[in-house]
Amino acid sequence: MYLEIITPEKIIYKGEIDEIVVNTADGEIAVLPHHVNLFTKVMPGEVTLKVDGKEQYLAITGGFLEVSKNKATILADYAVHAEEIDVEKALEAQKRAEELLKKKKEGLTELDFASAQGELRRAILELHVASRRRHHNRPLN
């Protein structure tokens, strides 16, 4: 099955896959080749791709999934491969967003508040996916 994951900034992934596991509004689903046509909302969380029997992980903040004619397309607000997550940068973004949110009472505009909330959610998601994947990929002793 062919997959494309597209964000407003760039194409995150495009190529053949064996399976994709994604969180939807109705729960987690796995999409395999020749899946029935589908259009659904993607919820924030982790996306798992199986490519040539190996798993790849992405953090995604939400979007939409369409499956049709053995092709899947995810239009995402934001997505990043787990191995590309910069933990230090995510921690800084989390701290910066938390500080902005504390200033809400000090006259922060609604737009700035919403932006800070989005940045905080994205940072927390990245940290969650990065920590799960680093723990998951740790060599056994």
C-alpha atoms as a PDB file:
ATOM      1  CA  MET A   1       0.000   0.000   0.000  1.00  0.00           C
ATOM      2  CA  TYR A   2       1.254   3.490  -0.831  1.00  0.00           C
ATOM      3  CA  LEU A   3       1.307   6.120   1.950  1.00  0.00           C
ATOM      4  CA  GLU A   4       1.789   9.876   2.008  1.00  0.00           C
ATOM      5  CA  ILE A   5       1.967  11.935   5.187  1.00  0.00           C
ATOM      6  CA  ILE A   6       1.705  15.612   4.352  1.00  0.00           C
ATOM      7  CA  THR A   7       1.955  18.671   6.611  1.00  0.00           C
ATOM      8  CA  PRO A   8       1.620  22.326   5.601  1.00  0.00           C
ATOM      9  CA  GLU A   9       5.438  22.578   5.666  1.00  0.00           C
ATOM     10  CA  LYS A  10       6.501  19.422   3.817  1.00  0.00           C
ATOM     11  CA  ILE A  11       5.902  15.808   2.886  1.00  0.00           C
ATOM     12  CA  ILE A  12       6.937  13.761   5.941  1.00  0.00           C
ATOM     13  CA  TYR A  13       6.698  10.336   4.318  1.00  0.00           C
ATOM     14  CA  LYS A  14       5.914   8.908   0.920  1.00  0.00           C
ATOM     15  CA  GLY A  15       6.375   5.336  -0.146  1.00  0.00           C
ATOM     16  CA  GLU A  16       5.178   1.759   0.105  1.00  0.00           C
ATOM     17  CA  ILE A  17       4.262   0.388   3.539  1.00  0.00           C
ATOM     18  CA  ASP A  18       3.053  -2.931   4.942  1.00  0.00           C
ATOM     19  CA  GLU A  19       0.788  -1.389   7.606  1.00  0.00           C
ATOM     20  CA  ILE A  20      -0.036   1.845   9.406  1.00  0.00           C
ATOM     21  CA  VAL A  21      -1.452   2.099  12.936  1.00  0.00           C
ATOM     22  CA  VAL A  22      -3.067   5.411  13.813  1.00  0.00           C
ATOM     23  CA  ASN A  23      -5.299   6.871  16.556  1.00  0.00           C
ATOM     24  CA  THR A  24      -8.659   8.018  15.201  1.00  0.00           C
ATOM     25  CA  ALA A  25     -11.701   9.603  16.787  1.00  0.00           C
ATOM     26  CA  ASP A  26     -13.136   6.066  17.068  1.00  0.00           C
ATOM     27  CA  GLY A  27      -9.987   4.487  18.527  1.00  0.00           C
ATOM     28  CA  GLU A  28      -6.755   2.987  17.257  1.00  0.00           C
ATOM     29  CA  ILE A  29      -6.929   1.312  13.845  1.00  0.00           C
ATOM     30  CA  ALA A  30      -4.508  -0.643  11.691  1.00  0.00           C
ATOM     31  CA  VAL A  31      -4.689  -0.139   7.945  1.00  0.00           C
ATOM     32  CA  LEU A  32      -3.351  -2.935   5.752  1.00  0.00           C
ATOM     33  CA  PRO A  33      -3.065  -3.174   1.966  1.00  0.00           C
ATOM     34  CA  HIS A  34      -6.439  -3.319   0.175  1.00  0.00           C
ATOM     35  CA  HIS A  35      -8.223  -1.753   3.169  1.00  0.00           C
ATOM     36  CA  VAL A  36     -11.804  -0.641   2.576  1.00  0.00           C
ATOM     37  CA  ASN A  37     -12.207   3.019   1.591  1.00  0.00           C
ATOM     38  CA  LEU A  38     -12.074   5.227   4.678  1.00  0.00           C
ATOM     39  CA  PHE A  39     -12.021   8.886   5.686  1.00  0.00           C
ATOM     40  CA  THR A  40     -11.503   9.671   9.362  1.00  0.00           C
ATOM     41  CA  LYS A  41     -10.103  12.214  11.774  1.00  0.00           C
ATOM     42  CA  VAL A  42      -6.637  11.464  13.160  1.00  0.00           C
ATOM     43  CA  MET A  43      -6.162  12.232  16.842  1.00  0.00           C
ATOM     44  CA  PRO A  44      -2.916  13.483  18.375  1.00  0.00           C
ATOM     45  CA  GLY A  45      -0.526  10.687  19.291  1.00  0.00           C
ATOM     46  CA  GLU A  46       1.867   8.175  17.882  1.00  0.00           C
ATOM     47  CA  VAL A  47       1.646   6.711  14.373  1.00  0.00           C
ATOM     48  CA  THR A  48       3.353   3.388  13.646  1.00  0.00           C
ATOM     49  CA  LEU A  49       4.451   2.477  10.134  1.00  0.00           C
ATOM     50  CA  LYS A  50       5.583  -1.010   9.177  1.00  0.00           C
ATOM     51  CA  VAL A  51       7.926  -0.889   6.207  1.00  0.00           C
ATOM     52  CA  ASP A  52       9.631  -4.082   5.002  1.00  0.00           C
ATOM     53  CA  GLY A  53       8.857  -5.700   8.363  1.00  0.00           C
ATOM     54  CA  LYS A  54      10.483  -2.892  10.403  1.00  0.00           C
ATOM     55  CA  GLU A  55       8.578  -0.361  12.497  1.00  0.00           C
ATOM     56  CA  GLN A  56       8.939   3.407  12.250  1.00  0.00           C
ATOM     57  CA  TYR A  57       7.293   5.847  14.653  1.00  0.00           C
ATOM     58  CA  LEU A  58       6.009   9.373  14.246  1.00  0.00           C
ATOM     59  CA  ALA A  59       4.440  11.947  16.531  1.00  0.00           C
ATOM     60  CA  ILE A  60       1.397  13.631  14.999  1.00  0.00           C
ATOM     61  CA  THR A  61      -0.747  16.436  16.389  1.00  0.00           C
ATOM     62  CA  GLY A  62      -3.840  15.516  14.402  1.00  0.00           C
ATOM     63  CA  GLY A  63      -5.330  15.702  10.948  1.00  0.00           C
ATOM     64  CA  PHE A  64      -7.224  13.436   8.562  1.00  0.00           C
ATOM     65  CA  LEU A  65      -6.664   9.979   7.069  1.00  0.00           C
ATOM     66  CA  GLU A  66      -8.052   8.931   3.715  1.00  0.00           C
ATOM     67  CA  VAL A  67      -7.731   5.382   2.377  1.00  0.00           C
ATOM     68  CA  SER A  68      -8.783   4.700  -1.205  1.00  0.00           C
ATOM     69  CA  LYS A  69      -7.620   2.365  -3.988  1.00  0.00           C
ATOM     70  CA  ASN A  70      -4.727   0.914  -1.946  1.00  0.00           C
ATOM     71  CA  LYS A  71      -3.391   4.383  -1.125  1.00  0.00           C
ATOM     72  CA  ALA A  72      -3.447   6.079   2.279  1.00  0.00           C
ATOM     73  CA  THR A  73      -2.989   9.801   2.772  1.00  0.00           C
ATOM     74  CA  ILE A  74      -2.627  11.601   6.082  1.00  0.00           C
ATOM     75  CA  LEU A  75      -3.036  15.362   6.024  1.00  0.00           C
ATOM     76  CA  ALA A  76      -1.527  16.419   9.327  1.00  0.00           C
ATOM     77  CA  ASP A  77      -1.244  19.682  11.198  1.00  0.00           C
ATOM     78  CA  TYR A  78       2.242  18.623  12.321  1.00  0.00           C
ATOM     79  CA  ALA A  79       4.178  15.361  12.225  1.00  0.00           C
ATOM     80  CA  VAL A  80       7.762  14.323  12.957  1.00  0.00           C
ATOM     81  CA  HIS A  81       9.675  11.036  12.892  1.00  0.00           C
ATOM     82  CA  ALA A  82      10.525   9.865  16.419  1.00  0.00           C
ATOM     83  CA  GLU A  83      14.256   9.757  15.679  1.00  0.00           C
ATOM     84  CA  GLU A  84      14.149  13.388  14.481  1.00  0.00           C
ATOM     85  CA  ILE A  85      12.689  14.704  17.739  1.00  0.00           C
ATOM     86  CA  ASP A  86      15.144  17.013  19.473  1.00  0.00           C
ATOM     87  CA  VAL A  87      14.380  16.364  23.145  1.00  0.00           C
ATOM     88  CA  GLU A  88      16.249  19.456  24.373  1.00  0.00           C
ATOM     89  CA  LYS A  89      14.372  21.663  21.907  1.00  0.00           C
ATOM     90  CA  ALA A  90      11.051  20.095  22.934  1.00  0.00           C
ATOM     91  CA  LEU A  91      11.842  20.672  26.617  1.00  0.00           C
ATOM     92  CA  GLU A  92      12.676  24.321  25.877  1.00  0.00           C
ATOM     93  CA  ALA A  93       9.419  24.716  23.920  1.00  0.00           C
ATOM     94  CA  GLN A  94       7.470  23.166  26.791  1.00  0.00           C
ATOM     95  CA  LYS A  95       9.069  25.524  29.311  1.00  0.00           C
ATOM     96  CA  ARG A  96       8.519  28.563  27.081  1.00  0.00           C
ATOM     97  CA  ALA A  97       4.855  27.656  26.505  1.00  0.00           C
ATOM     98  CA  GLU A  98       4.231  27.010  30.200  1.00  0.00           C
ATOM     99  CA  GLU A  99       5.701  30.435  31.053  1.00  0.00           C
ATOM    100  CA  LEU A 100       3.478  32.116  28.457  1.00  0.00           C
ATOM    101  CA  LEU A 101       0.400  30.340  29.773  1.00  0.00           C
ATOM    102  CA  LYS A 102       1.167  31.564  33.290  1.00  0.00           C
ATOM    103  CA  LYS A 103       1.082  35.126  31.941  1.00  0.00           C
ATOM    104  CA  LYS A 104      -2.543  34.701  30.782  1.00  0.00           C
ATOM    105  CA  LYS A 105      -3.660  36.683  33.778  1.00  0.00           C
ATOM    106  CA  GLU A 106      -1.184  39.414  32.866  1.00  0.00           C
ATOM    107  CA  GLY A 107      -2.881  40.346  29.595  1.00  0.00           C
ATOM    108  CA  LEU A 108      -1.824  37.653  27.132  1.00  0.00           C
ATOM    109  CA  THR A 109      -3.991  37.894  24.010  1.00  0.00           C
ATOM    110  CA  GLU A 110      -6.305  35.005  23.113  1.00  0.00           C
ATOM    111  CA  LEU A 111      -4.254  34.335  19.966  1.00  0.00           C
ATOM    112  CA  ASP A 112      -0.986  34.185  21.925  1.00  0.00           C
ATOM    113  CA  PHE A 113      -2.665  31.970  24.527  1.00  0.00           C
ATOM    114  CA  ALA A 114      -3.949  29.555  21.849  1.00  0.00           C
ATOM    115  CA  SER A 115      -0.516  29.508  20.212  1.00  0.00           C
ATOM    116  CA  ALA A 116       1.153  28.727  23.541  1.00  0.00           C
ATOM    117  CA  GLN A 117      -1.349  25.942  24.213  1.00  0.00           C
ATOM    118  CA  GLY A 118      -0.605  24.410  20.809  1.00  0.00           C
ATOM    119  CA  GLU A 119       3.138  24.659  21.369  1.00  0.00           C
ATOM    120  CA  LEU A 120       2.782  23.030  24.786  1.00  0.00           C
ATOM    121  CA  ARG A 121       0.687  20.144  23.403  1.00  0.00           C
ATOM    122  CA  ARG A 122       3.184  19.561  20.582  1.00  0.00           C
ATOM    123  CA  ALA A 123       6.164  19.611  22.961  1.00  0.00           C
ATOM    124  CA  ILE A 124       4.500  17.171  25.365  1.00  0.00           C
ATOM    125  CA  LEU A 125       3.587  14.847  22.479  1.00  0.00           C
ATOM    126  CA  GLU A 126       7.136  14.917  21.100  1.00  0.00           C
ATOM    127  CA  LEU A 127       8.607  14.177  24.532  1.00  0.00           C
ATOM    128  CA  HIS A 128       6.150  11.322  25.068  1.00  0.00           C
ATOM    129  CA  VAL A 129       6.898   9.674  21.712  1.00  0.00           C
ATOM    130  CA  ALA A 130      10.650  10.231  22.034  1.00  0.00           C
ATOM    131  CA  SER A 131      10.771   8.717  25.525  1.00  0.00           C
ATOM    132  CA  ARG A 132       8.667   5.695  24.478  1.00  0.00           C
ATOM    133  CA  ARG A 133      10.828   5.032  21.439  1.00  0.00           C
ATOM    134  CA  ARG A 134      14.138   5.479  23.247  1.00  0.00           C
ATOM    135  CA  HIS A 135      12.954   3.090  25.951  1.00  0.00           C
ATOM    136  CA  HIS A 136      11.586   0.663  23.342  1.00  0.00           C
ATOM    137  CA  ASN A 137      14.804   0.680  21.282  1.00  0.00           C
ATOM    138  CA  ARG A 138      17.161   0.329  24.240  1.00  0.00           C
ATOM    139  CA  PRO A 139      19.468  -2.694  23.871  1.00  0.00           C
ATOM    140  CA  LEU A 140      18.839  -5.616  26.205  1.00  0.00           C
ATOM    141  CA  ASN A 141      21.570  -6.447  28.715  1.00  0.00           C
END
